[in-house]
Amino acid sequence: MRYIRYAFYAALAVIFVTLALGNRQMVVLNTLPEGLRAFPGAGLVDFSIELPLYLVIFIGTLMGLVIGYLAEWLREHKHRAEAARKGGEVRKLERELKKTQAERDKDKDEVLALLDQAS
């Protein structure tokens, strides 16, 4: 699975380099469309910046990946919590088993107790 992810990232890098070489022209990135700039208070969030087109594509893709990874991490939270709970239960049961075996083997000879544990 790890190699598939690395292959995907390598293919994505090749695509990004190709896009960057083909889209070097500058574009204006606005936070509001022309029609909303006339509303009162819109000046607080009205920004414009001039960036190369490939950078806008890179930032959008990066934001999509981060949002996707975050959504997946949140979706899997219940599975991780369940696995941790069951792991704690297994450790508790193993401790109880060792304690029970020790009580059972306390009257036996040490060699016989070791042989019993090995099988």
N, C-alpha and C. Protein backbone atom coordinates (compact mmCIF):
# COMPACT_ATOMS: atom_id res chain seq x y z
N MET A 1 0.82 -1.19 0.00
CA MET A 1 0.00 0.00 0.00
C MET A 1 0.87 1.25 0.00
N ARG A 2 1.97 1.20 0.71
CA ARG A 2 2.86 2.35 0.80
C ARG A 2 3.44 2.69 -0.57
N TYR A 3 3.80 1.67 -1.35
CA TYR A 3 4.38 1.91 -2.67
C TYR A 3 3.36 2.48 -3.64
N ILE A 4 2.11 2.09 -3.49
CA ILE A 4 1.07 2.66 -4.33
C ILE A 4 0.91 4.15 -4.04
N ARG A 5 0.98 4.50 -2.76
CA ARG A 5 0.88 5.91 -2.39
C ARG A 5 2.06 6.70 -2.95
N TYR A 6 3.27 6.14 -2.86
CA TYR A 6 4.44 6.83 -3.40
C TYR A 6 4.35 6.98 -4.92
N ALA A 7 3.84 5.96 -5.59
CA ALA A 7 3.67 6.04 -7.04
C ALA A 7 2.64 7.12 -7.40
N PHE A 8 1.58 7.22 -6.61
CA PHE A 8 0.58 8.26 -6.84
C PHE A 8 1.20 9.64 -6.66
N TYR A 9 1.98 9.82 -5.60
CA TYR A 9 2.62 11.12 -5.37
C TYR A 9 3.62 11.46 -6.48
N ALA A 10 4.35 10.48 -6.96
CA ALA A 10 5.29 10.73 -8.05
C ALA A 10 4.55 11.14 -9.33
N ALA A 11 3.46 10.46 -9.64
CA ALA A 11 2.67 10.82 -10.82
C ALA A 11 2.08 12.21 -10.65
N LEU A 12 1.62 12.53 -9.45
CA LEU A 12 1.08 13.85 -9.18
C LEU A 12 2.16 14.93 -9.34
N ALA A 13 3.38 14.64 -8.90
CA ALA A 13 4.47 15.59 -9.05
C ALA A 13 4.79 15.85 -10.52
N VAL A 14 4.80 14.81 -11.34
CA VAL A 14 5.04 14.98 -12.78
C VAL A 14 3.94 15.84 -13.39
N ILE A 15 2.70 15.59 -13.02
CA ILE A 15 1.59 16.38 -13.54
C ILE A 15 1.72 17.84 -13.11
N PHE A 16 2.10 18.07 -11.85
CA PHE A 16 2.24 19.44 -11.37
C PHE A 16 3.36 20.18 -12.08
N VAL A 17 4.48 19.54 -12.29
CA VAL A 17 5.59 20.19 -13.00
C VAL A 17 5.17 20.53 -14.42
N THR A 18 4.46 19.63 -15.08
CA THR A 18 3.98 19.88 -16.44
C THR A 18 3.00 21.05 -16.44
N LEU A 19 2.08 21.08 -15.48
CA LEU A 19 1.14 22.20 -15.38
C LEU A 19 1.85 23.52 -15.10
N ALA A 20 2.85 23.49 -14.23
CA ALA A 20 3.58 24.70 -13.88
C ALA A 20 4.30 25.27 -15.10
N LEU A 21 4.90 24.39 -15.91
CA LEU A 21 5.61 24.86 -17.09
C LEU A 21 4.66 25.43 -18.14
N GLY A 22 3.45 24.91 -18.19
CA GLY A 22 2.49 25.36 -19.19
C GLY A 22 1.61 26.52 -18.74
N ASN A 23 1.60 26.84 -17.45
CA ASN A 23 0.69 27.88 -16.92
C ASN A 23 1.44 28.87 -16.04
N ARG A 24 2.37 29.58 -16.63
CA ARG A 24 3.17 30.54 -15.87
C ARG A 24 2.60 31.95 -15.90
N GLN A 25 1.52 32.19 -16.66
CA GLN A 25 0.97 33.54 -16.74
C GLN A 25 0.37 33.95 -15.41
N MET A 26 0.35 35.26 -15.17
CA MET A 26 -0.17 35.79 -13.91
C MET A 26 -1.69 35.94 -14.00
N VAL A 27 -2.38 35.63 -12.89
CA VAL A 27 -3.83 35.80 -12.78
C VAL A 27 -4.13 36.56 -11.50
N VAL A 28 -5.28 37.21 -11.49
CA VAL A 28 -5.71 37.95 -10.30
C VAL A 28 -6.68 37.06 -9.54
N LEU A 29 -6.40 36.86 -8.28
CA LEU A 29 -7.26 36.04 -7.41
C LEU A 29 -8.00 37.00 -6.48
N ASN A 30 -9.34 37.02 -6.58
CA ASN A 30 -10.19 37.90 -5.76
C ASN A 30 -10.94 37.07 -4.73
N THR A 31 -11.15 37.65 -3.56
CA THR A 31 -11.93 36.94 -2.54
C THR A 31 -13.42 37.17 -2.73
N LEU A 32 -13.82 38.23 -3.41
CA LEU A 32 -15.24 38.52 -3.66
C LEU A 32 -15.45 38.81 -5.14
N PRO A 33 -16.60 38.42 -5.69
CA PRO A 33 -16.91 38.81 -7.06
C PRO A 33 -17.24 40.30 -7.15
N GLU A 34 -17.23 40.84 -8.36
CA GLU A 34 -17.45 42.27 -8.57
C GLU A 34 -18.75 42.76 -7.94
N GLY A 35 -19.84 42.01 -8.05
CA GLY A 35 -21.15 42.44 -7.56
C GLY A 35 -21.23 42.57 -6.05
N LEU A 36 -20.48 41.78 -5.31
CA LEU A 36 -20.54 41.82 -3.85
C LEU A 36 -19.65 42.89 -3.23
N ARG A 37 -18.79 43.48 -4.00
CA ARG A 37 -17.88 44.49 -3.45
C ARG A 37 -18.59 45.77 -3.06
N ALA A 38 -19.81 46.01 -3.60
CA ALA A 38 -20.54 47.23 -3.31
C ALA A 38 -21.29 47.17 -1.97
N PHE A 39 -21.45 45.99 -1.41
CA PHE A 39 -22.18 45.87 -0.14
C PHE A 39 -21.39 46.50 1.00
N PRO A 40 -22.12 47.10 1.98
CA PRO A 40 -21.43 47.69 3.13
C PRO A 40 -20.70 46.62 3.95
N GLY A 41 -19.52 46.90 4.37
CA GLY A 41 -18.72 45.97 5.17
C GLY A 41 -17.97 44.95 4.36
N ALA A 42 -18.16 44.93 3.06
CA ALA A 42 -17.48 43.95 2.22
C ALA A 42 -15.99 44.25 2.10
N GLY A 43 -15.62 45.47 2.41
CA GLY A 43 -14.21 45.84 2.31
C GLY A 43 -13.32 45.09 3.29
N LEU A 44 -13.92 44.53 4.34
CA LEU A 44 -13.14 43.79 5.32
C LEU A 44 -12.59 42.48 4.76
N VAL A 45 -13.33 41.88 3.84
CA VAL A 45 -12.90 40.60 3.28
C VAL A 45 -12.58 40.68 1.79
N ASP A 46 -12.53 41.89 1.25
CA ASP A 46 -12.26 42.07 -0.18
C ASP A 46 -10.76 42.24 -0.41
N PHE A 47 -10.13 41.18 -0.88
CA PHE A 47 -8.71 41.22 -1.18
C PHE A 47 -8.49 40.72 -2.59
N SER A 48 -7.46 41.22 -3.21
CA SER A 48 -7.04 40.74 -4.53
C SER A 48 -5.54 40.53 -4.49
N ILE A 49 -5.10 39.48 -5.15
CA ILE A 49 -3.66 39.19 -5.21
C ILE A 49 -3.36 38.63 -6.58
N GLU A 50 -2.21 38.97 -7.10
CA GLU A 50 -1.80 38.48 -8.41
C GLU A 50 -0.78 37.35 -8.22
N LEU A 51 -1.12 36.18 -8.75
CA LEU A 51 -0.28 34.99 -8.60
C LEU A 51 -0.15 34.29 -9.95
N PRO A 52 0.90 33.49 -10.11
CA PRO A 52 0.97 32.64 -11.31
C PRO A 52 -0.14 31.58 -11.25
N LEU A 53 -0.68 31.23 -12.39
CA LEU A 53 -1.80 30.28 -12.44
C LEU A 53 -1.42 28.93 -11.83
N TYR A 54 -0.20 28.45 -12.08
CA TYR A 54 0.19 27.16 -11.53
C TYR A 54 0.17 27.17 -10.01
N LEU A 55 0.50 28.30 -9.40
CA LEU A 55 0.48 28.39 -7.94
C LEU A 55 -0.95 28.30 -7.40
N VAL A 56 -1.89 28.90 -8.11
CA VAL A 56 -3.30 28.80 -7.71
C VAL A 56 -3.75 27.34 -7.79
N ILE A 57 -3.34 26.63 -8.83
CA ILE A 57 -3.69 25.21 -8.99
C ILE A 57 -3.06 24.39 -7.86
N PHE A 58 -1.78 24.64 -7.57
CA PHE A 58 -1.09 23.91 -6.50
C PHE A 58 -1.77 24.12 -5.15
N ILE A 59 -2.09 25.37 -4.84
CA ILE A 59 -2.71 25.67 -3.54
C ILE A 59 -4.08 25.00 -3.44
N GLY A 60 -4.86 25.04 -4.52
CA GLY A 60 -6.17 24.39 -4.50
C GLY A 60 -6.06 22.90 -4.31
N THR A 61 -5.11 22.27 -5.00
CA THR A 61 -4.92 20.83 -4.85
C THR A 61 -4.44 20.48 -3.45
N LEU A 62 -3.52 21.25 -2.92
CA LEU A 62 -3.01 21.01 -1.57
C LEU A 62 -4.13 21.15 -0.54
N MET A 63 -4.96 22.17 -0.70
CA MET A 63 -6.08 22.34 0.23
C MET A 63 -7.05 21.15 0.13
N GLY A 64 -7.29 20.65 -1.07
CA GLY A 64 -8.15 19.49 -1.24
C GLY A 64 -7.59 18.25 -0.58
N LEU A 65 -6.27 18.05 -0.71
CA LEU A 65 -5.64 16.89 -0.06
C LEU A 65 -5.71 16.99 1.46
N VAL A 66 -5.44 18.16 1.99
CA VAL A 66 -5.48 18.34 3.44
C VAL A 66 -6.89 18.12 3.97
N ILE A 67 -7.88 18.67 3.29
CA ILE A 67 -9.27 18.49 3.72
C ILE A 67 -9.66 17.01 3.63
N GLY A 68 -9.24 16.34 2.56
CA GLY A 68 -9.54 14.91 2.41
C GLY A 68 -8.90 14.06 3.49
N TYR A 69 -7.62 14.31 3.77
CA TYR A 69 -6.94 13.55 4.83
C TYR A 69 -7.58 13.81 6.19
N LEU A 70 -7.94 15.05 6.45
CA LEU A 70 -8.58 15.38 7.72
C LEU A 70 -9.94 14.69 7.85
N ALA A 71 -10.72 14.70 6.78
CA ALA A 71 -12.03 14.03 6.81
C ALA A 71 -11.86 12.53 7.03
N GLU A 72 -10.87 11.93 6.39
CA GLU A 72 -10.63 10.49 6.56
C GLU A 72 -10.18 10.18 7.98
N TRP A 73 -9.33 11.02 8.55
CA TRP A 73 -8.85 10.83 9.91
C TRP A 73 -10.03 10.91 10.89
N LEU A 74 -10.92 11.88 10.69
CA LEU A 74 -12.08 12.01 11.56
C LEU A 74 -13.04 10.84 11.39
N ARG A 75 -13.19 10.34 10.16
CA ARG A 75 -14.09 9.22 9.89
C ARG A 75 -13.59 7.95 10.57
N GLU A 76 -12.28 7.76 10.63
CA GLU A 76 -11.72 6.55 11.21
C GLU A 76 -11.54 6.62 12.73
N HIS A 77 -11.91 7.72 13.34
CA HIS A 77 -11.72 7.88 14.78
C HIS A 77 -12.41 6.78 15.57
N LYS A 78 -13.64 6.43 15.21
CA LYS A 78 -14.37 5.41 15.97
C LYS A 78 -13.67 4.05 15.87
N HIS A 79 -13.05 3.76 14.73
CA HIS A 79 -12.35 2.49 14.57
C HIS A 79 -11.07 2.46 15.42
N ARG A 80 -10.35 3.58 15.45
CA ARG A 80 -9.14 3.64 16.28
C ARG A 80 -9.49 3.54 17.75
N ALA A 81 -10.57 4.19 18.18
CA ALA A 81 -10.99 4.13 19.58
C ALA A 81 -11.40 2.71 19.97
N GLU A 82 -12.10 2.03 19.08
CA GLU A 82 -12.51 0.65 19.35
C GLU A 82 -11.30 -0.27 19.45
N ALA A 83 -10.33 -0.08 18.55
CA ALA A 83 -9.12 -0.90 18.58
C ALA A 83 -8.34 -0.67 19.87
N ALA A 84 -8.25 0.57 20.32
CA ALA A 84 -7.55 0.86 21.57
C ALA A 84 -8.28 0.23 22.76
N ARG A 85 -9.61 0.29 22.75
CA ARG A 85 -10.38 -0.30 23.84
C ARG A 85 -10.17 -1.81 23.88
N LYS A 86 -10.23 -2.45 22.72
CA LYS A 86 -10.04 -3.91 22.67
C LYS A 86 -8.61 -4.30 23.02
N GLY A 87 -7.64 -3.48 22.64
CA GLY A 87 -6.25 -3.76 23.02
C GLY A 87 -6.07 -3.72 24.53
N GLY A 88 -6.70 -2.74 25.18
CA GLY A 88 -6.64 -2.67 26.64
C GLY A 88 -7.31 -3.87 27.29
N GLU A 89 -8.42 -4.31 26.70
CA GLU A 89 -9.11 -5.49 27.22
C GLU A 89 -8.25 -6.75 27.07
N VAL A 90 -7.56 -6.88 25.96
CA VAL A 90 -6.68 -8.03 25.74
C VAL A 90 -5.54 -8.03 26.76
N ARG A 91 -4.93 -6.88 26.99
CA ARG A 91 -3.85 -6.80 27.98
C ARG A 91 -4.36 -7.17 29.38
N LYS A 92 -5.55 -6.71 29.71
CA LYS A 92 -6.13 -7.04 31.02
C LYS A 92 -6.37 -8.54 31.14
N LEU A 93 -6.91 -9.15 30.11
CA LEU A 93 -7.17 -10.59 30.14
C LEU A 93 -5.88 -11.39 30.19
N GLU A 94 -4.83 -10.93 29.51
CA GLU A 94 -3.53 -11.62 29.57
C GLU A 94 -2.96 -11.57 30.98
N ARG A 95 -3.11 -10.42 31.65
CA ARG A 95 -2.64 -10.32 33.04
C ARG A 95 -3.41 -11.28 33.94
N GLU A 96 -4.72 -11.33 33.75
CA GLU A 96 -5.53 -12.26 34.55
C GLU A 96 -5.14 -13.71 34.29
N LEU A 97 -4.86 -14.04 33.03
CA LEU A 97 -4.46 -15.41 32.69
C LEU A 97 -3.14 -15.77 33.36
N LYS A 98 -2.18 -14.85 33.32
CA LYS A 98 -0.89 -15.13 33.96
C LYS A 98 -1.05 -15.30 35.46
N LYS A 99 -1.92 -14.47 36.03
CA LYS A 99 -2.16 -14.57 37.48
C LYS A 99 -2.81 -15.92 37.82
N THR A 100 -3.78 -16.32 37.02
CA THR A 100 -4.46 -17.60 37.24
C THR A 100 -3.50 -18.76 37.06
N GLN A 101 -2.65 -18.70 36.04
CA GLN A 101 -1.67 -19.76 35.82
C GLN A 101 -0.65 -19.83 36.96
N ALA A 102 -0.26 -18.67 37.46
CA ALA A 102 0.69 -18.65 38.57
C ALA A 102 0.08 -19.28 39.81
N GLU A 103 -1.19 -19.00 40.08
CA GLU A 103 -1.86 -19.60 41.23
C GLU A 103 -2.02 -21.11 41.04
N ARG A 104 -2.29 -21.52 39.81
CA ARG A 104 -2.46 -22.95 39.53
C ARG A 104 -1.14 -23.70 39.69
N ASP A 105 -0.04 -23.04 39.28
CA ASP A 105 1.26 -23.70 39.26
C ASP A 105 2.08 -23.49 40.54
N LYS A 106 1.51 -22.86 41.57
CA LYS A 106 2.31 -22.55 42.75
C LYS A 106 2.71 -23.80 43.53
N ASP A 107 1.93 -24.86 43.45
CA ASP A 107 2.26 -26.09 44.18
C ASP A 107 3.06 -27.07 43.33
N LYS A 108 3.20 -26.79 42.05
CA LYS A 108 3.94 -27.70 41.16
C LYS A 108 5.43 -27.44 41.24
N ASP A 109 6.16 -28.41 40.77
CA ASP A 109 7.60 -28.26 40.63
C ASP A 109 7.86 -27.19 39.55
N GLU A 110 8.93 -26.42 39.68
CA GLU A 110 9.23 -25.33 38.73
C GLU A 110 9.41 -25.85 37.31
N VAL A 111 10.06 -26.99 37.15
CA VAL A 111 10.30 -27.55 35.83
C VAL A 111 8.98 -27.96 35.19
N LEU A 112 8.11 -28.60 35.96
CA LEU A 112 6.81 -29.00 35.42
C LEU A 112 5.95 -27.79 35.06
N ALA A 113 6.04 -26.73 35.87
CA ALA A 113 5.27 -25.51 35.57
C ALA A 113 5.76 -24.88 34.28
N LEU A 114 7.09 -24.87 34.08
CA LEU A 114 7.64 -24.31 32.83
C LEU A 114 7.23 -25.13 31.62
N LEU A 115 7.24 -26.45 31.78
CA LEU A 115 6.80 -27.32 30.68
C LEU A 115 5.32 -27.12 30.38
N ASP A 116 4.54 -26.90 31.40
CA ASP A 116 3.11 -26.67 31.22
C ASP A 116 2.87 -25.34 30.46
N GLN A 117 3.65 -24.34 30.78
CA GLN A 117 3.49 -23.04 30.10
C GLN A 117 3.97 -23.09 28.66
N ALA A 118 4.96 -23.91 28.37
CA ALA A 118 5.52 -24.00 27.02
C ALA A 118 4.55 -24.68 26.05
N SER A 119 3.70 -25.54 26.54
CA SER A 119 2.81 -26.27 25.64
C SER A 119 1.48 -25.61 25.45
